[in-house]
Structure formats: C-alpha cells, structure tokens
Amino acid sequence: MAQAKIQAKMNEATCSKFTRTLSMADRSGRLVESLDQLEMRVEALREATSAMEQERECILEMIQSIQNSQEMRNICAGEREELSLTANRLMGRTLSVEISVGTIRNSQQEEALKKATFIIDEIVKKLLDDMEASREQLLALHAACVTEAPPVPIDQKFQAIVISCALEDQKKIKRRLETLLRNVENAEKNIKIMDHQKLEAPKANGSK
C-alpha cells in the first residue's frame, strides 16, 4: 500500500515536471492574434457594406435616368405609363433597402464635413436658376477632390476643407459631386434635345 502511494507521488512529480502552462506572454499573443483576425473581418465587412451602399446609389441613379430619358418621352402614352409604374416600383423597392456605414470622426472632422456639405448644398439650390454657372462650380469642387491634375480650376478653399474631413467622408463627397455632375450633364442634354425638337417642329409640319 505504501509502495503504491510512493509510486503515485513519483508519477505526479514526473507529470508536473514536464507539464508547461501558457505564460502571460503566450496568452497575450494569442489574444492579439485573435483581435488582428477580427479587425480584418471588420474591415472586410465595412468594405462590403460600403460597396452595397454605392450599388444602391448607382441603381437609384439609373432608374432616375430612365425616368427622365428621351426614350421615355418618345414612346406612346400607354407604354410610358406602364414603364413609369415599373420604374416607380423599382425605386420604392430600392429605397426600402437601408444600408449605413458609420464614420468615426473627431470634432475637427465633424466641422469640416458640415462646411463641405453646406457648400455643395448651396450650389445645388442654385442649379435650376443657373445650370451652367453651377456646373462650373461643381467642377471646381470635384477638382479639389482628385489626386491627378484636373483640366479645370481648383477650388483651393474647398480642397482645404475636404482634406480636413475623414477619409471615408472624402470619398463620399467625391461620389456625390460626380453624381451631381452626371445629373447636370444629362439635364443639359435633355434640354438641348427638347429645344432642337422645338426648332425642328415647324419643318415637320411643312411650315417654311
């Protein structure tokens, strides 16, 4: 009996001698590794969500483009009504998809974003009154957001404001300006087409 106890103690000593527990450094290293992996997944999630957000904006813009297109005006009233209903249905379904990627900003970045948004909003308010002048202003703002040298004047004041914004906000500001410029370009094309049709109308009726 005593011999058995002695042998058991010797076995315990042997096991404890070769058993190594994780050190604090090892545990910390594992936790850091886990957090690094999670950080990569978080960034991938944000990028995927941002891509979805851009896709939503693109779909909405394409639907609006079709609704305002010359082709839509050139078809008969019955077909136009049916296509308009389909476009409105798609617009509603797209708007029902809510996607949001929050941006962490400090107080300086918050203020810079407010200033940039205000400047763009003020130009948008004047678009219908003077489309050409507003277009030139939008081009100058957009030039302030690109890295390559643009062929148009740069709004230096706006550029300083945008640089003070968070990186994600800088990208969104640039995308908004690009969307506005496309909308202005499409509107100008439609105006020219409608004006041309107006000038050509007498000839079509046989007038001299």
Protein backbone atom coordinates (compact mmCIF):
# COMPACT_ATOMS: atom_id res chain seq x y z
CA MET A 1 0.00 0.00 0.00
CA ALA A 2 2.73 2.38 0.99
CA GLN A 3 4.67 1.45 -2.11
CA ALA A 4 1.67 2.29 -4.25
CA LYS A 5 1.37 5.72 -2.69
CA ILE A 6 5.07 6.38 -3.25
CA GLN A 7 4.76 5.38 -6.89
CA ALA A 8 1.72 7.65 -7.35
CA LYS A 9 3.64 10.60 -5.90
CA MET A 10 6.54 9.92 -8.23
CA ASN A 11 4.18 9.85 -11.22
CA GLU A 12 2.65 13.18 -10.15
CA ALA A 13 6.09 14.72 -9.83
CA THR A 14 7.04 13.46 -13.27
CA CYS A 15 3.86 14.88 -14.85
CA SER A 16 4.23 18.23 -13.15
CA LYS A 17 7.86 18.42 -14.20
CA PHE A 18 7.07 18.17 -17.91
CA THR A 19 3.70 19.98 -17.96
CA ARG A 20 4.09 23.59 -19.08
CA THR A 21 1.31 26.13 -18.62
CA LEU A 22 0.83 29.05 -21.01
CA SER A 23 2.78 32.10 -19.95
CA MET A 24 1.21 35.58 -19.82
CA ALA A 25 3.11 36.49 -22.98
CA ASP A 26 1.71 33.44 -24.82
CA ARG A 27 -1.84 34.23 -23.76
CA SER A 28 -1.43 37.88 -24.71
CA GLY A 29 0.00 36.85 -28.08
CA ARG A 30 -2.98 34.61 -28.79
CA LEU A 31 -5.42 37.36 -27.88
CA VAL A 32 -3.60 39.83 -30.11
CA GLU A 33 -3.71 37.34 -32.98
CA SER A 34 -7.45 36.82 -32.49
CA LEU A 35 -8.09 40.56 -32.43
CA ASP A 36 -5.98 41.06 -35.56
CA GLN A 37 -8.08 38.48 -37.39
CA LEU A 38 -11.29 40.12 -36.17
CA GLU A 39 -10.03 43.52 -37.30
CA MET A 40 -9.52 42.17 -40.83
CA ARG A 41 -13.05 40.77 -40.80
CA VAL A 42 -14.46 44.08 -39.55
CA GLU A 43 -12.72 45.98 -42.34
CA ALA A 44 -13.94 43.43 -44.91
CA LEU A 45 -17.47 43.88 -43.54
CA ARG A 46 -17.25 47.67 -43.82
CA GLU A 47 -15.87 47.47 -47.36
CA ALA A 48 -18.62 45.06 -48.43
CA THR A 49 -21.31 47.27 -46.88
CA SER A 50 -19.82 50.37 -48.50
CA ALA A 51 -19.88 48.57 -51.86
CA MET A 52 -23.55 47.74 -51.32
CA GLU A 53 -24.23 51.37 -50.43
CA GLN A 54 -22.61 52.50 -53.69
CA GLU A 55 -24.57 49.88 -55.65
CA ARG A 56 -27.80 51.22 -54.14
CA GLU A 57 -26.87 54.76 -55.19
CA CYS A 58 -26.00 53.54 -58.69
CA ILE A 59 -29.32 51.70 -59.09
CA LEU A 60 -31.29 54.75 -57.95
CA GLU A 61 -29.40 56.96 -60.38
CA MET A 62 -30.02 54.55 -63.27
CA ILE A 63 -33.75 54.38 -62.52
CA GLN A 64 -33.96 58.18 -62.45
CA SER A 65 -32.01 58.34 -65.70
CA ILE A 66 -34.52 56.05 -67.39
CA GLN A 67 -37.45 58.01 -65.99
CA ASN A 68 -36.04 61.27 -67.40
CA SER A 69 -34.66 59.84 -70.63
CA GLN A 70 -35.61 61.00 -74.11
CA GLU A 71 -36.55 57.42 -74.98
CA MET A 72 -39.25 57.51 -72.29
CA ARG A 73 -40.74 60.63 -73.85
CA ASN A 74 -40.67 59.20 -77.38
CA ILE A 75 -42.93 56.20 -76.66
CA CYS A 76 -46.73 56.23 -76.65
CA ALA A 77 -48.63 57.32 -73.54
CA GLY A 78 -49.84 53.81 -72.68
CA GLU A 79 -46.39 52.25 -72.78
CA ARG A 80 -44.90 55.23 -70.96
CA GLU A 81 -47.40 54.87 -68.14
CA GLU A 82 -46.66 51.14 -67.78
CA LEU A 83 -42.89 51.69 -67.77
CA SER A 84 -43.25 54.56 -65.30
CA LEU A 85 -45.17 52.31 -62.92
CA THR A 86 -42.43 49.67 -63.18
CA ALA A 87 -39.72 52.29 -62.59
CA ASN A 88 -41.58 53.68 -59.57
CA ARG A 89 -41.98 50.17 -58.16
CA LEU A 90 -38.25 49.51 -58.54
CA MET A 91 -37.47 52.88 -57.00
CA GLY A 92 -39.62 52.08 -53.98
CA ARG A 93 -38.07 48.63 -53.53
CA THR A 94 -34.57 50.08 -53.79
CA LEU A 95 -35.33 52.82 -51.27
CA SER A 96 -36.66 50.20 -48.86
CA VAL A 97 -33.13 48.78 -48.61
CA GLU A 98 -31.43 50.64 -45.77
CA ILE A 99 -27.63 50.50 -45.69
CA SER A 100 -25.46 52.51 -43.37
CA VAL A 101 -21.74 52.58 -42.62
CA GLY A 102 -20.96 54.91 -39.76
CA THR A 103 -17.82 57.02 -39.78
CA ILE A 104 -15.89 57.81 -36.62
CA ARG A 105 -14.90 61.49 -36.64
CA ASN A 106 -13.23 63.90 -34.26
CA SER A 107 -14.60 67.40 -33.72
CA GLN A 108 -12.42 68.91 -36.47
CA GLN A 109 -13.58 66.32 -38.99
CA GLU A 110 -17.22 66.87 -37.98
CA GLU A 111 -16.89 70.59 -38.60
CA ALA A 112 -15.11 70.08 -41.92
CA LEU A 113 -17.87 67.74 -43.14
CA LYS A 114 -20.54 70.28 -42.20
CA LYS A 115 -18.73 73.01 -44.13
CA ALA A 116 -18.24 70.84 -47.22
CA THR A 117 -21.87 69.70 -47.18
CA PHE A 118 -23.10 73.30 -46.80
CA ILE A 119 -21.03 74.48 -49.80
CA ILE A 120 -22.39 71.72 -52.04
CA ASP A 121 -25.97 72.23 -50.83
CA GLU A 122 -25.80 75.95 -51.64
CA ILE A 123 -24.71 75.20 -55.22
CA VAL A 124 -27.46 72.60 -55.63
CA LYS A 125 -30.06 75.20 -54.61
CA LYS A 126 -28.93 77.40 -57.50
CA LEU A 127 -28.78 74.65 -60.12
CA LEU A 128 -32.16 75.38 -61.71
CA ASP A 129 -31.55 79.15 -61.77
CA ASP A 130 -28.13 78.98 -63.47
CA MET A 131 -27.16 75.48 -64.52
CA GLU A 132 -24.02 76.49 -66.41
CA ALA A 133 -22.53 78.53 -63.55
CA SER A 134 -23.43 75.82 -61.04
CA ARG A 135 -21.81 73.21 -63.25
CA GLU A 136 -18.58 75.23 -63.32
CA GLN A 137 -18.63 75.48 -59.52
CA LEU A 138 -19.24 71.74 -59.15
CA LEU A 139 -16.33 71.03 -61.49
CA ALA A 140 -14.07 73.22 -59.36
CA LEU A 141 -15.17 71.38 -56.21
CA HIS A 142 -14.66 68.00 -57.83
CA ALA A 143 -11.20 69.04 -59.00
CA ALA A 144 -10.36 69.67 -55.34
CA CYS A 145 -11.14 66.01 -54.55
CA VAL A 146 -8.97 64.25 -57.15
CA THR A 147 -5.28 63.47 -56.94
CA GLU A 148 -4.45 63.84 -60.64
CA ALA A 149 -4.12 67.33 -62.09
CA PRO A 150 -7.58 68.28 -63.43
CA PRO A 151 -8.10 70.38 -66.59
CA VAL A 152 -10.29 72.85 -64.69
CA PRO A 153 -9.63 75.40 -61.92
CA ILE A 154 -9.45 74.00 -58.39
CA ASP A 155 -11.41 75.49 -55.50
CA GLN A 156 -8.49 75.81 -53.07
CA LYS A 157 -10.71 76.71 -50.11
CA PHE A 158 -12.90 73.67 -50.63
CA GLN A 159 -9.82 71.47 -51.06
CA ALA A 160 -8.51 72.53 -47.64
CA ILE A 161 -11.89 71.70 -46.11
CA VAL A 162 -12.08 68.27 -47.76
CA ILE A 163 -8.55 67.37 -46.63
CA SER A 164 -9.69 68.02 -43.05
CA CYS A 165 -12.54 65.51 -43.43
CA ALA A 166 -12.32 61.83 -42.51
CA LEU A 167 -11.08 59.61 -45.34
CA GLU A 168 -14.45 57.90 -45.79
CA ASP A 169 -16.19 61.29 -45.92
CA GLN A 170 -13.73 62.46 -48.58
CA LYS A 171 -14.74 59.52 -50.76
CA LYS A 172 -18.45 60.19 -50.22
CA ILE A 173 -18.05 63.88 -51.05
CA LYS A 174 -16.28 62.98 -54.29
CA ARG A 175 -19.00 60.46 -55.22
CA ARG A 176 -21.74 62.99 -54.53
CA LEU A 177 -20.08 65.58 -56.75
CA GLU A 178 -19.65 63.02 -59.53
CA THR A 179 -23.34 62.10 -59.30
CA LEU A 180 -24.39 65.75 -59.40
CA LEU A 181 -22.19 66.41 -62.44
CA ARG A 182 -23.67 63.42 -64.27
CA ASN A 183 -27.17 64.63 -63.47
CA VAL A 184 -26.36 68.13 -64.72
CA GLU A 185 -24.86 66.71 -67.91
CA ASN A 186 -27.95 64.57 -68.53
CA ALA A 187 -30.23 67.52 -67.84
CA GLU A 188 -28.31 69.70 -70.29
CA LYS A 189 -28.56 67.00 -72.95
CA ASN A 190 -32.30 66.68 -72.46
CA ILE A 191 -32.76 70.45 -72.65
CA LYS A 192 -30.80 70.60 -75.91
CA ILE A 193 -32.82 67.73 -77.39
CA MET A 194 -36.12 69.31 -76.40
CA ASP A 195 -35.03 72.69 -77.74
CA HIS A 196 -33.88 71.10 -81.01
CA GLN A 197 -37.24 69.36 -81.39
CA LYS A 198 -38.98 72.65 -80.79
CA LEU A 199 -36.94 74.30 -83.54
CA GLU A 200 -37.48 71.39 -85.89
CA ALA A 201 -41.24 71.20 -85.28
CA PRO A 202 -42.29 73.76 -87.94
CA LYS A 203 -40.32 71.88 -90.61
CA ALA A 204 -42.02 68.65 -89.63
CA ASN A 205 -45.40 70.34 -90.10
CA GLY A 206 -44.42 71.62 -93.52
CA SER A 207 -44.03 75.25 -92.45
CA LYS A 208 -41.44 77.46 -94.09
